[in-house]
Amino acid sequence: MTAGIKPRRQQIFLATITDGSGHVICSFRLGDNDRLLLANSDGEVTARKIKNDEHVWSRASLREVFREMTSKN
């Protein structure tokens, strides 16, 4: 929860991504429990929904897992 802001149940949010000059790059709807993967490739921004059973790993999360595994050995 963000400080001072209480979550509202069953809301749909509209998200808009803009570049540094304020031009709209993409926009999409976010429903409850929606998870999105955003990517920027050569200035083209894409967004896709991540399924509930889909797992996404980043370098930082993999590094944390490896750190946890090596600290216990």
PDB file of N, CA and C in Angstrom:
ATOM      1  N   MET A   1       0.844  -1.174   0.000  1.00  0.00           N
ATOM      2  CA  MET A   1       0.000   0.000   0.000  1.00  0.00           C
ATOM      3  C   MET A   1       0.887   1.234   0.000  1.00  0.00           C
ATOM      4  N   THR A   2       0.519   2.227  -0.739  1.00  0.00           N
ATOM      5  CA  THR A   2       1.243   3.490  -0.779  1.00  0.00           C
ATOM      6  C   THR A   2       0.813   4.335   0.410  1.00  0.00           C
ATOM      7  N   ALA A   3       1.752   5.034   0.992  1.00  0.00           N
ATOM      8  CA  ALA A   3       1.482   5.819   2.203  1.00  0.00           C
ATOM      9  C   ALA A   3       0.304   6.760   2.014  1.00  0.00           C
ATOM     10  N   GLY A   4      -0.683   6.633   2.868  1.00  0.00           N
ATOM     11  CA  GLY A   4      -1.836   7.531   2.857  1.00  0.00           C
ATOM     12  C   GLY A   4      -2.899   7.218   1.826  1.00  0.00           C
ATOM     13  N   ILE A   5      -2.667   6.250   0.940  1.00  0.00           N
ATOM     14  CA  ILE A   5      -3.653   5.916  -0.090  1.00  0.00           C
ATOM     15  C   ILE A   5      -4.188   4.524   0.187  1.00  0.00           C
ATOM     16  N   LYS A   6      -5.485   4.426   0.403  1.00  0.00           N
ATOM     17  CA  LYS A   6      -6.102   3.126   0.650  1.00  0.00           C
ATOM     18  C   LYS A   6      -6.520   2.507  -0.687  1.00  0.00           C
ATOM     19  N   PRO A   7      -6.248   1.206  -0.858  1.00  0.00           N
ATOM     20  CA  PRO A   7      -6.637   0.565  -2.126  1.00  0.00           C
ATOM     21  C   PRO A   7      -8.147   0.465  -2.263  1.00  0.00           C
ATOM     22  N   ARG A   8      -8.628   0.606  -3.486  1.00  0.00           N
ATOM     23  CA  ARG A   8     -10.046   0.464  -3.777  1.00  0.00           C
ATOM     24  C   ARG A   8     -10.251  -0.895  -4.431  1.00  0.00           C
ATOM     25  N   ARG A   9     -11.311  -1.548  -4.084  1.00  0.00           N
ATOM     26  CA  ARG A   9     -11.601  -2.868  -4.630  1.00  0.00           C
ATOM     27  C   ARG A   9     -12.237  -2.760  -6.007  1.00  0.00           C
ATOM     28  N   GLN A  10     -11.890  -3.689  -6.870  1.00  0.00           N
ATOM     29  CA  GLN A  10     -12.473  -3.864  -8.195  1.00  0.00           C
ATOM     30  C   GLN A  10     -12.512  -2.570  -8.996  1.00  0.00           C
ATOM     31  N   GLN A  11     -11.373  -1.942  -9.103  1.00  0.00           N
ATOM     32  CA  GLN A  11     -11.223  -0.744  -9.921  1.00  0.00           C
ATOM     33  C   GLN A  11     -10.487  -1.104 -11.202  1.00  0.00           C
ATOM     34  N   ILE A  12     -10.761  -0.380 -12.245  1.00  0.00           N
ATOM     35  CA  ILE A  12      -9.984  -0.508 -13.472  1.00  0.00           C
ATOM     36  C   ILE A  12      -9.220   0.799 -13.635  1.00  0.00           C
ATOM     37  N   PHE A  13      -7.920   0.679 -13.855  1.00  0.00           N
ATOM     38  CA  PHE A  13      -7.075   1.847 -14.012  1.00  0.00           C
ATOM     39  C   PHE A  13      -6.622   1.946 -15.459  1.00  0.00           C
ATOM     40  N   LEU A  14      -6.486   3.156 -15.937  1.00  0.00           N
ATOM     41  CA  LEU A  14      -5.956   3.404 -17.265  1.00  0.00           C
ATOM     42  C   LEU A  14      -4.533   3.914 -17.076  1.00  0.00           C
ATOM     43  N   ALA A  15      -3.565   3.235 -17.675  1.00  0.00           N
ATOM     44  CA  ALA A  15      -2.164   3.613 -17.559  1.00  0.00           C
ATOM     45  C   ALA A  15      -1.697   4.161 -18.907  1.00  0.00           C
ATOM     46  N   THR A  16      -0.927   5.235 -18.847  1.00  0.00           N
ATOM     47  CA  THR A  16      -0.388   5.850 -20.053  1.00  0.00           C
ATOM     48  C   THR A  16       1.106   6.035 -19.884  1.00  0.00           C
ATOM     49  N   ILE A  17       1.858   5.614 -20.881  1.00  0.00           N
ATOM     50  CA  ILE A  17       3.315   5.781 -20.897  1.00  0.00           C
ATOM     51  C   ILE A  17       3.630   6.902 -21.878  1.00  0.00           C
ATOM     52  N   THR A  18       4.394   7.892 -21.408  1.00  0.00           N
ATOM     53  CA  THR A  18       4.799   8.994 -22.275  1.00  0.00           C
ATOM     54  C   THR A  18       6.325   9.051 -22.351  1.00  0.00           C
ATOM     55  N   ASP A  19       6.823   9.687 -23.401  1.00  0.00           N
ATOM     56  CA  ASP A  19       8.268   9.886 -23.490  1.00  0.00           C
ATOM     57  C   ASP A  19       8.630  11.184 -22.764  1.00  0.00           C
ATOM     58  N   GLY A  20       9.894  11.556 -22.804  1.00  0.00           N
ATOM     59  CA  GLY A  20      10.369  12.732 -22.087  1.00  0.00           C
ATOM     60  C   GLY A  20       9.718  14.027 -22.522  1.00  0.00           C
ATOM     61  N   SER A  21       9.225  14.071 -23.738  1.00  0.00           N
ATOM     62  CA  SER A  21       8.585  15.299 -24.220  1.00  0.00           C
ATOM     63  C   SER A  21       7.075  15.299 -23.983  1.00  0.00           C
ATOM     64  N   GLY A  22       6.545  14.214 -23.404  1.00  0.00           N
ATOM     65  CA  GLY A  22       5.115  14.158 -23.099  1.00  0.00           C
ATOM     66  C   GLY A  22       4.263  13.481 -24.153  1.00  0.00           C
ATOM     67  N   HIS A  23       4.866  13.021 -25.249  1.00  0.00           N
ATOM     68  CA  HIS A  23       4.097  12.315 -26.275  1.00  0.00           C
ATOM     69  C   HIS A  23       3.710  10.932 -25.760  1.00  0.00           C
ATOM     70  N   VAL A  24       2.462  10.546 -26.012  1.00  0.00           N
ATOM     71  CA  VAL A  24       1.968   9.243 -25.564  1.00  0.00           C
ATOM     72  C   VAL A  24       2.609   8.145 -26.403  1.00  0.00           C
ATOM     73  N   ILE A  25       3.242   7.187 -25.709  1.00  0.00           N
ATOM     74  CA  ILE A  25       3.868   6.044 -26.377  1.00  0.00           C
ATOM     75  C   ILE A  25       2.887   4.881 -26.448  1.00  0.00           C
ATOM     76  N   CYS A  26       2.241   4.567 -25.323  1.00  0.00           N
ATOM     77  CA  CYS A  26       1.217   3.527 -25.309  1.00  0.00           C
ATOM     78  C   CYS A  26       0.333   3.737 -24.086  1.00  0.00           C
ATOM     79  N   SER A  27      -0.837   3.166 -24.132  1.00  0.00           N
ATOM     80  CA  SER A  27      -1.741   3.205 -22.983  1.00  0.00           C
ATOM     81  C   SER A  27      -2.490   1.879 -22.926  1.00  0.00           C
ATOM     82  N   PHE A  28      -2.911   1.524 -21.728  1.00  0.00           N
ATOM     83  CA  PHE A  28      -3.578   0.242 -21.543  1.00  0.00           C
ATOM     84  C   PHE A  28      -4.401   0.290 -20.261  1.00  0.00           C
ATOM     85  N   ARG A  29      -5.301  -0.682 -20.145  1.00  0.00           N
ATOM     86  CA  ARG A  29      -6.151  -0.810 -18.961  1.00  0.00           C
ATOM     87  C   ARG A  29      -5.525  -1.801 -18.000  1.00  0.00           C
ATOM     88  N   LEU A  30      -5.606  -1.489 -16.728  1.00  0.00           N
ATOM     89  CA  LEU A  30      -5.146  -2.396 -15.680  1.00  0.00           C
ATOM     90  C   LEU A  30      -6.329  -2.744 -14.794  1.00  0.00           C
ATOM     91  N   GLY A  31      -6.706  -4.012 -14.793  1.00  0.00           N
ATOM     92  CA  GLY A  31      -7.757  -4.473 -13.910  1.00  0.00           C
ATOM     93  C   GLY A  31      -7.153  -4.999 -12.618  1.00  0.00           C
ATOM     94  N   ASP A  32      -8.001  -5.435 -11.712  1.00  0.00           N
ATOM     95  CA  ASP A  32      -7.518  -6.012 -10.462  1.00  0.00           C
ATOM     96  C   ASP A  32      -6.594  -7.187 -10.748  1.00  0.00           C
ATOM     97  N   ASN A  33      -5.472  -7.217 -10.071  1.00  0.00           N
ATOM     98  CA  ASN A  33      -4.489  -8.299 -10.147  1.00  0.00           C
ATOM     99  C   ASN A  33      -3.875  -8.490 -11.528  1.00  0.00           C
ATOM    100  N   ASP A  34      -4.030  -7.523 -12.418  1.00  0.00           N
ATOM    101  CA  ASP A  34      -3.356  -7.609 -13.713  1.00  0.00           C
ATOM    102  C   ASP A  34      -1.862  -7.406 -13.501  1.00  0.00           C
ATOM    103  N   ARG A  35      -1.086  -8.179 -14.234  1.00  0.00           N
ATOM    104  CA  ARG A  35       0.363  -8.014 -14.221  1.00  0.00           C
ATOM    105  C   ARG A  35       0.795  -7.819 -15.665  1.00  0.00           C
ATOM    106  N   LEU A  36       1.624  -6.823 -15.898  1.00  0.00           N
ATOM    107  CA  LEU A  36       2.067  -6.523 -17.249  1.00  0.00           C
ATOM    108  C   LEU A  36       3.581  -6.553 -17.337  1.00  0.00           C
ATOM    109  N   LEU A  37       4.059  -6.961 -18.480  1.00  0.00           N
ATOM    110  CA  LEU A  37       5.477  -6.914 -18.778  1.00  0.00           C
ATOM    111  C   LEU A  37       5.663  -5.804 -19.803  1.00  0.00           C
ATOM    112  N   LEU A  38       6.432  -4.783 -19.436  1.00  0.00           N
ATOM    113  CA  LEU A  38       6.715  -3.674 -20.337  1.00  0.00           C
ATOM    114  C   LEU A  38       8.117  -3.853 -20.902  1.00  0.00           C
ATOM    115  N   ALA A  39       8.271  -3.553 -22.168  1.00  0.00           N
ATOM    116  CA  ALA A  39       9.582  -3.656 -22.804  1.00  0.00           C
ATOM    117  C   ALA A  39       9.810  -2.428 -23.677  1.00  0.00           C
ATOM    118  N   ASN A  40      11.075  -2.005 -23.756  1.00  0.00           N
ATOM    119  CA  ASN A  40      11.457  -0.890 -24.606  1.00  0.00           C
ATOM    120  C   ASN A  40      12.587  -1.362 -25.500  1.00  0.00           C
ATOM    121  N   SER A  41      12.308  -1.446 -26.786  1.00  0.00           N
ATOM    122  CA  SER A  41      13.317  -1.875 -27.738  1.00  0.00           C
ATOM    123  C   SER A  41      13.433  -0.814 -28.826  1.00  0.00           C
ATOM    124  N   ASP A  42      14.556  -0.112 -28.826  1.00  0.00           N
ATOM    125  CA  ASP A  42      14.805   0.955 -29.815  1.00  0.00           C
ATOM    126  C   ASP A  42      13.682   1.988 -29.854  1.00  0.00           C
ATOM    127  N   GLY A  43      13.186   2.361 -28.681  1.00  0.00           N
ATOM    128  CA  GLY A  43      12.161   3.392 -28.603  1.00  0.00           C
ATOM    129  C   GLY A  43      10.745   2.899 -28.794  1.00  0.00           C
ATOM    130  N   GLU A  44      10.570   1.623 -29.102  1.00  0.00           N
ATOM    131  CA  GLU A  44       9.225   1.065 -29.246  1.00  0.00           C
ATOM    132  C   GLU A  44       8.854   0.360 -27.949  1.00  0.00           C
ATOM    133  N   VAL A  45       7.811   0.862 -27.284  1.00  0.00           N
ATOM    134  CA  VAL A  45       7.372   0.298 -26.014  1.00  0.00           C
ATOM    135  C   VAL A  45       6.228  -0.667 -26.271  1.00  0.00           C
ATOM    136  N   THR A  46       6.348  -1.856 -25.708  1.00  0.00           N
ATOM    137  CA  THR A  46       5.283  -2.849 -25.818  1.00  0.00           C
ATOM    138  C   THR A  46       4.851  -3.277 -24.416  1.00  0.00           C
ATOM    139  N   ALA A  47       3.619  -3.703 -24.320  1.00  0.00           N
ATOM    140  CA  ALA A  47       3.085  -4.186 -23.049  1.00  0.00           C
ATOM    141  C   ALA A  47       2.282  -5.442 -23.332  1.00  0.00           C
ATOM    142  N   ARG A  48       2.458  -6.439 -22.473  1.00  0.00           N
ATOM    143  CA  ARG A  48       1.631  -7.639 -22.595  1.00  0.00           C
ATOM    144  C   ARG A  48       1.289  -8.133 -21.203  1.00  0.00           C
ATOM    145  N   LYS A  49       0.114  -8.717 -21.099  1.00  0.00           N
ATOM    146  CA  LYS A  49      -0.315  -9.253 -19.812  1.00  0.00           C
ATOM    147  C   LYS A  49       0.459 -10.518 -19.487  1.00  0.00           C
ATOM    148  N   ILE A  50       0.778 -10.673 -18.214  1.00  0.00           N
ATOM    149  CA  ILE A  50       1.449 -11.872 -17.729  1.00  0.00           C
ATOM    150  C   ILE A  50       0.376 -12.753 -17.095  1.00  0.00           C
ATOM    151  N   LYS A  51       0.324 -13.993 -17.494  1.00  0.00           N
ATOM    152  CA  LYS A  51      -0.665 -14.922 -16.947  1.00  0.00           C
ATOM    153  C   LYS A  51      -0.374 -15.205 -15.480  1.00  0.00           C
ATOM    154  N   ASN A  52      -1.392 -15.617 -14.740  1.00  0.00           N
ATOM    155  CA  ASN A  52      -1.231 -15.889 -13.308  1.00  0.00           C
ATOM    156  C   ASN A  52      -0.216 -16.988 -13.028  1.00  0.00           C
ATOM    157  N   ASP A  53      -0.121 -17.977 -13.917  1.00  0.00           N
ATOM    158  CA  ASP A  53       0.817 -19.073 -13.684  1.00  0.00           C
ATOM    159  C   ASP A  53       2.179 -18.839 -14.338  1.00  0.00           C
ATOM    160  N   GLU A  54       2.375 -17.674 -14.925  1.00  0.00           N
ATOM    161  CA  GLU A  54       3.625 -17.344 -15.597  1.00  0.00           C
ATOM    162  C   GLU A  54       4.557 -16.621 -14.624  1.00  0.00           C
ATOM    163  N   HIS A  55       5.816 -17.014 -14.634  1.00  0.00           N
ATOM    164  CA  HIS A  55       6.810 -16.386 -13.761  1.00  0.00           C
ATOM    165  C   HIS A  55       7.791 -15.603 -14.613  1.00  0.00           C
ATOM    166  N   VAL A  56       8.132 -14.418 -14.148  1.00  0.00           N
ATOM    167  CA  VAL A  56       9.069 -13.568 -14.863  1.00  0.00           C
ATOM    168  C   VAL A  56      10.277 -13.328 -13.972  1.00  0.00           C
ATOM    169  N   TRP A  57      11.462 -13.570 -14.531  1.00  0.00           N
ATOM    170  CA  TRP A  57      12.704 -13.390 -13.779  1.00  0.00           C
ATOM    171  C   TRP A  57      13.484 -12.237 -14.372  1.00  0.00           C
ATOM    172  N   SER A  58      14.107 -11.480 -13.507  1.00  0.00           N
ATOM    173  CA  SER A  58      15.017 -10.433 -13.949  1.00  0.00           C
ATOM    174  C   SER A  58      16.419 -10.786 -13.471  1.00  0.00           C
ATOM    175  N   ARG A  59      17.398 -10.054 -13.924  1.00  0.00           N
ATOM    176  CA  ARG A  59      18.760 -10.287 -13.449  1.00  0.00           C
ATOM    177  C   ARG A  59      18.832 -10.104 -11.938  1.00  0.00           C
ATOM    178  N   ALA A  60      18.152  -9.073 -11.443  1.00  0.00           N
ATOM    179  CA  ALA A  60      18.192  -8.796 -10.005  1.00  0.00           C
ATOM    180  C   ALA A  60      17.554  -9.923  -9.202  1.00  0.00           C
ATOM    181  N   SER A  61      16.419 -10.453  -9.669  1.00  0.00           N
ATOM    182  CA  SER A  61      15.769 -11.524  -8.911  1.00  0.00           C
ATOM    183  C   SER A  61      16.575 -12.817  -8.977  1.00  0.00           C
ATOM    184  N   LEU A  62      17.184 -13.109 -10.130  1.00  0.00           N
ATOM    185  CA  LEU A  62      18.035 -14.297 -10.226  1.00  0.00           C
ATOM    186  C   LEU A  62      19.264 -14.157  -9.330  1.00  0.00           C
ATOM    187  N   ARG A  63      19.846 -12.973  -9.301  1.00  0.00           N
ATOM    188  CA  ARG A  63      21.002 -12.737  -8.442  1.00  0.00           C
ATOM    189  C   ARG A  63      20.646 -12.971  -6.978  1.00  0.00           C
ATOM    190  N   GLU A  64      19.463 -12.516  -6.579  1.00  0.00           N
ATOM    191  CA  GLU A  64      19.012 -12.704  -5.197  1.00  0.00           C
ATOM    192  C   GLU A  64      18.827 -14.187  -4.872  1.00  0.00           C
ATOM    193  N   VAL A  65      18.259 -14.951  -5.798  1.00  0.00           N
ATOM    194  CA  VAL A  65      18.086 -16.392  -5.588  1.00  0.00           C
ATOM    195  C   VAL A  65      19.447 -17.069  -5.451  1.00  0.00           C
ATOM    196  N   PHE A  66      20.379 -16.737  -6.341  1.00  0.00           N
ATOM    197  CA  PHE A  66      21.722 -17.328  -6.254  1.00  0.00           C
ATOM    198  C   PHE A  66      22.408 -16.957  -4.944  1.00  0.00           C
ATOM    199  N   ARG A  67      22.235 -15.721  -4.530  1.00  0.00           N
ATOM    200  CA  ARG A  67      22.842 -15.277  -3.264  1.00  0.00           C
ATOM    201  C   ARG A  67      22.270 -16.072  -2.089  1.00  0.00           C
ATOM    202  N   GLU A  68      20.964 -16.280  -2.103  1.00  0.00           N
ATOM    203  CA  GLU A  68      20.326 -17.064  -1.035  1.00  0.00           C
ATOM    204  C   GLU A  68      20.806 -18.518  -1.062  1.00  0.00           C
ATOM    205  N   MET A  69      20.944 -19.075  -2.261  1.00  0.00           N
ATOM    206  CA  MET A  69      21.372 -20.479  -2.362  1.00  0.00           C
ATOM    207  C   MET A  69      22.813 -20.643  -1.892  1.00  0.00           C
ATOM    208  N   THR A  70      23.693 -19.737  -2.242  1.00  0.00           N
ATOM    209  CA  THR A  70      25.092 -19.878  -1.854  1.00  0.00           C
ATOM    210  C   THR A  70      25.321 -19.564  -0.388  1.00  0.00           C
ATOM    211  N   SER A  71      24.497 -18.737   0.218  1.00  0.00           N
ATOM    212  CA  SER A  71      24.694 -18.404   1.632  1.00  0.00           C
ATOM    213  C   SER A  71      24.313 -19.564   2.538  1.00  0.00           C
ATOM    214  N   LYS A  72      23.508 -20.501   2.052  1.00  0.00           N
ATOM    215  CA  LYS A  72      23.069 -21.632   2.882  1.00  0.00           C
ATOM    216  C   LYS A  72      23.980 -22.837   2.717  1.00  0.00           C
ATOM    217  N   ASN A  73      24.927 -22.792   1.799  1.00  0.00           N
ATOM    218  CA  ASN A  73      25.854 -23.920   1.564  1.00  0.00           C
ATOM    219  C   ASN A  73      27.173 -23.662   2.239  1.00  0.00           C
TER     220      ASN A  73
END
